[in-house]
Structure formats: structure tokens, C-alpha cells
Amino acid sequence: MTNDFAKDTPEGRAVMEKYGDILPLSRPEPSPKHPRMSLGSRAKIFSPFAALRGFDEELSEESARTRLVPRAGLAEEEQAALSAKLAGLARGQQVTVRYFHADPLCQTDPPLGRYRTVTGTVRGVDWTARVLRLDLEGGHAGPGLEKARGLDVSLDALEAVL
């Protein structure tokens, strides 16, 4: 290894004065008693660690809380159009719905939460309980038996049927 390029600078001359006697030497070979560490093991030394347990989860929960939005109401025309779409739904029909899911930890008026959009198969509309029952896609499929995940969406929280 030559350091000719470093000799021309003041820093290079200072390094050559201090370490000039060992710079031309080759790197010593490790002893069999203490072999070199593998790159994977060296990487583990410098990998990040969680100094505070649960801190990452707490941050993600807090950031999720800051993204909460108030519920926007529907106009009368929009409510009428939504009711007409709900009345026209048939069992087994594939639909995509958007609804407001209020955050149970945030008790404010108006409620804060998130708008969610899901796609599923209609199981039915229960007008007395005011619930739209859906079987969601991506349900659990066991050996010879398929289980669909169910979701009940309150008609009061429903924003759109797409």
C-alpha cells in the first residue's frame, strides 16, 4: 500500500511523521486462538436496538391518534341515495363500502376516528338493528372448510356503498 498521494498535503506529511514506520507493513494475521469475526457478527454489533421497550409501539399509537378526523355528516340527498342503494342490495352481492370507525379511546363530540373502506359479500341488511352484515374477502380457509370473516357496519356510520 502506497500513500504517495497523502505526502503532498500538510495532513499527509503529519501522518507520515507519526506512522511512517508502520504504514508499509502488512496487516497481521489473526491467531488461531482468536479468529476474525464474521461480517454477519460484526453487523450485529452495530445494529440498532430498542433502548426503551414498547417505545416504538407507543409512538405508532400516538401517530395513529394524531391522524384521527372528525366525522363529516351526509346531506339529505346523499342519505336518500344511500338508503336507496341499501334497499337494492341482495344477499351474496359483492360490494365495497366506506364507513366511519370512531376511536373508542377518544371520547369527543363530534367523534374522532378513521374512514375505512372494505370489500365484501352482503349477508344481509338488518333494518331493526340498523346493521349491514358483510363477509369480508381474505377469510381464513381451513382444510375442506372455508371461514369468512364477518363485519357488521352500523348504518349510521355508513358513508357510501360503491
Protein backbone atom coordinates (compact mmCIF):
# COMPACT_ATOMS: atom_id res chain seq x y z
CA MET A 1 0.00 0.00 0.00
CA THR A 2 1.48 3.30 -1.01
CA ASN A 3 0.47 6.63 0.40
CA ASP A 4 2.20 8.83 -2.18
CA PHE A 5 -0.94 10.91 -2.64
CA ALA A 6 -1.03 11.84 1.06
CA LYS A 7 2.56 13.03 1.26
CA ASP A 8 1.83 16.20 -0.70
CA THR A 9 -0.56 17.68 1.87
CA PRO A 10 0.20 19.03 5.35
CA GLU A 11 -2.06 16.34 6.85
CA GLY A 12 -0.31 13.66 4.83
CA ARG A 13 3.11 14.80 5.99
CA ALA A 14 1.91 14.76 9.64
CA VAL A 15 0.58 11.22 9.24
CA MET A 16 3.83 10.07 7.63
CA GLU A 17 5.83 11.58 10.50
CA LYS A 18 3.73 9.79 13.13
CA TYR A 19 3.01 6.46 11.43
CA GLY A 20 5.54 6.24 8.61
CA ASP A 21 7.28 3.26 10.20
CA ILE A 22 4.14 1.05 10.33
CA LEU A 23 2.26 2.19 7.20
CA PRO A 24 4.23 -0.03 4.77
CA LEU A 25 3.74 -3.12 6.93
CA SER A 26 1.08 -5.71 6.01
CA ARG A 27 -1.90 -6.41 8.23
CA PRO A 28 -1.14 -9.04 10.86
CA GLU A 29 -2.83 -12.41 10.50
CA PRO A 30 -5.20 -13.39 13.33
CA SER A 31 -4.13 -16.09 15.70
CA PRO A 32 -5.91 -19.45 15.56
CA LYS A 33 -6.96 -18.86 19.15
CA HIS A 34 -8.74 -15.61 18.22
CA PRO A 35 -10.06 -15.84 14.62
CA ARG A 36 -11.50 -12.84 12.79
CA MET A 37 -15.16 -12.09 13.38
CA SER A 38 -17.53 -12.84 10.50
CA LEU A 39 -19.21 -9.94 8.72
CA GLY A 40 -22.62 -11.07 10.00
CA SER A 41 -21.42 -10.99 13.60
CA ARG A 42 -19.82 -7.60 13.06
CA ALA A 43 -23.07 -6.28 11.66
CA LYS A 44 -24.95 -7.39 14.78
CA ILE A 45 -22.66 -5.25 16.91
CA PHE A 46 -23.71 -2.11 15.05
CA SER A 47 -27.39 -2.95 14.53
CA PRO A 48 -29.90 -0.66 16.22
CA PHE A 49 -31.50 -1.76 19.44
CA ALA A 50 -34.56 -0.71 21.41
CA ALA A 51 -33.28 1.11 24.46
CA LEU A 52 -36.84 1.61 25.71
CA ARG A 53 -39.13 -1.38 25.46
CA GLY A 54 -42.51 -0.58 23.92
CA PHE A 55 -41.40 2.89 22.80
CA ASP A 56 -41.87 2.10 19.09
CA GLU A 57 -45.39 0.79 19.75
CA GLU A 58 -46.23 3.86 21.81
CA LEU A 59 -45.01 6.13 19.02
CA SER A 60 -47.07 4.30 16.40
CA GLU A 61 -50.19 4.50 18.62
CA GLU A 62 -49.64 8.21 19.20
CA SER A 63 -49.14 8.87 15.49
CA ALA A 64 -52.32 6.91 14.76
CA ARG A 65 -54.20 9.09 17.26
CA THR A 66 -52.96 12.26 15.59
CA ARG A 67 -54.38 11.08 12.26
CA LEU A 68 -57.93 10.91 13.61
CA VAL A 69 -60.50 13.04 11.81
CA PRO A 70 -63.96 14.23 12.83
CA ARG A 71 -66.93 12.59 11.20
CA ALA A 72 -68.48 14.52 8.35
CA GLY A 73 -72.23 14.14 8.04
CA LEU A 74 -74.11 13.33 4.87
CA ALA A 75 -76.52 15.74 3.22
CA GLU A 76 -80.18 14.70 2.94
CA GLU A 77 -79.82 13.89 -0.76
CA GLU A 78 -76.78 11.71 -0.05
CA GLN A 79 -78.64 9.92 2.76
CA ALA A 80 -81.58 9.24 0.45
CA ALA A 81 -79.29 7.88 -2.28
CA LEU A 82 -77.51 5.68 0.28
CA SER A 83 -80.83 4.32 1.57
CA ALA A 84 -81.89 3.51 -1.98
CA LYS A 85 -78.63 1.62 -2.60
CA LEU A 86 -79.02 -0.30 0.67
CA ALA A 87 -82.60 -1.26 -0.24
CA GLY A 88 -81.34 -2.61 -3.58
CA LEU A 89 -78.64 -4.86 -2.06
CA ALA A 90 -79.12 -8.61 -2.42
CA ARG A 91 -77.64 -11.43 -0.37
CA GLY A 92 -74.39 -12.67 -1.97
CA GLN A 93 -73.78 -9.42 -3.83
CA GLN A 94 -70.19 -8.11 -3.87
CA VAL A 95 -69.93 -4.54 -2.54
CA THR A 96 -67.35 -2.04 -1.40
CA VAL A 97 -68.43 0.20 1.47
CA ARG A 98 -66.88 3.20 3.17
CA TYR A 99 -67.75 3.81 6.80
CA PHE A 100 -66.62 5.85 9.77
CA HIS A 101 -64.99 3.94 12.62
CA ALA A 102 -64.90 6.03 15.80
CA ASP A 103 -61.85 5.62 18.04
CA PRO A 104 -63.07 4.14 21.35
CA LEU A 105 -60.25 5.87 23.27
CA CYS A 106 -61.18 9.31 22.03
CA GLN A 107 -64.44 10.46 23.62
CA THR A 108 -65.17 13.76 21.91
CA ASP A 109 -68.15 15.41 20.31
CA PRO A 110 -68.15 15.16 17.31
CA PRO A 111 -66.46 11.75 17.48
CA LEU A 112 -62.97 11.34 16.08
CA GLY A 113 -61.94 8.28 14.10
CA ARG A 114 -60.97 6.99 10.68
CA TYR A 115 -62.77 6.31 7.46
CA ARG A 116 -62.34 2.72 6.35
CA THR A 117 -63.11 1.11 3.02
CA VAL A 118 -63.78 -2.64 2.83
CA THR A 119 -64.94 -5.05 0.15
CA GLY A 120 -67.12 -7.99 0.97
CA THR A 121 -70.16 -10.11 0.22
CA VAL A 122 -73.52 -8.99 1.56
CA ARG A 123 -75.01 -11.33 4.19
CA GLY A 124 -77.93 -9.02 4.71
CA VAL A 125 -79.24 -5.70 5.96
CA ASP A 126 -80.84 -5.77 9.41
CA TRP A 127 -83.12 -2.73 9.44
CA THR A 128 -84.19 -3.18 13.09
CA ALA A 129 -80.62 -3.40 14.41
CA ARG A 130 -79.56 -0.87 11.72
CA VAL A 131 -76.61 -3.01 10.61
CA LEU A 132 -75.17 -4.05 7.26
CA ARG A 133 -73.67 -7.55 7.61
CA LEU A 134 -70.75 -8.42 5.33
CA ASP A 135 -68.46 -11.39 4.80
CA LEU A 136 -65.04 -9.94 4.09
CA GLU A 137 -62.68 -11.26 1.46
CA GLY A 138 -59.47 -12.94 2.54
CA GLY A 139 -61.18 -15.01 5.20
CA HIS A 140 -59.50 -17.99 6.83
CA ALA A 141 -59.55 -21.12 4.67
CA GLY A 142 -59.08 -24.32 6.60
CA PRO A 143 -58.72 -27.84 5.18
CA GLY A 144 -62.01 -28.53 3.42
CA LEU A 145 -63.73 -25.71 5.28
CA GLU A 146 -63.81 -22.03 4.45
CA LYS A 147 -64.48 -19.49 7.14
CA ALA A 148 -65.20 -15.92 6.15
CA ARG A 149 -64.50 -13.02 8.45
CA GLY A 150 -67.69 -11.19 9.21
CA LEU A 151 -68.16 -7.47 9.70
CA ASP A 152 -71.20 -5.62 10.94
CA VAL A 153 -71.28 -1.99 9.82
CA SER A 154 -73.70 0.34 11.55
CA LEU A 155 -75.99 2.03 9.05
CA ASP A 156 -75.43 5.27 10.98
CA ALA A 157 -71.67 5.06 10.35
CA LEU A 158 -72.05 4.12 6.69
CA GLU A 159 -70.88 6.81 4.27
CA ALA A 160 -71.02 5.16 0.86
CA VAL A 161 -71.80 1.93 -0.97
CA LEU A 162 -69.61 1.72 -4.04
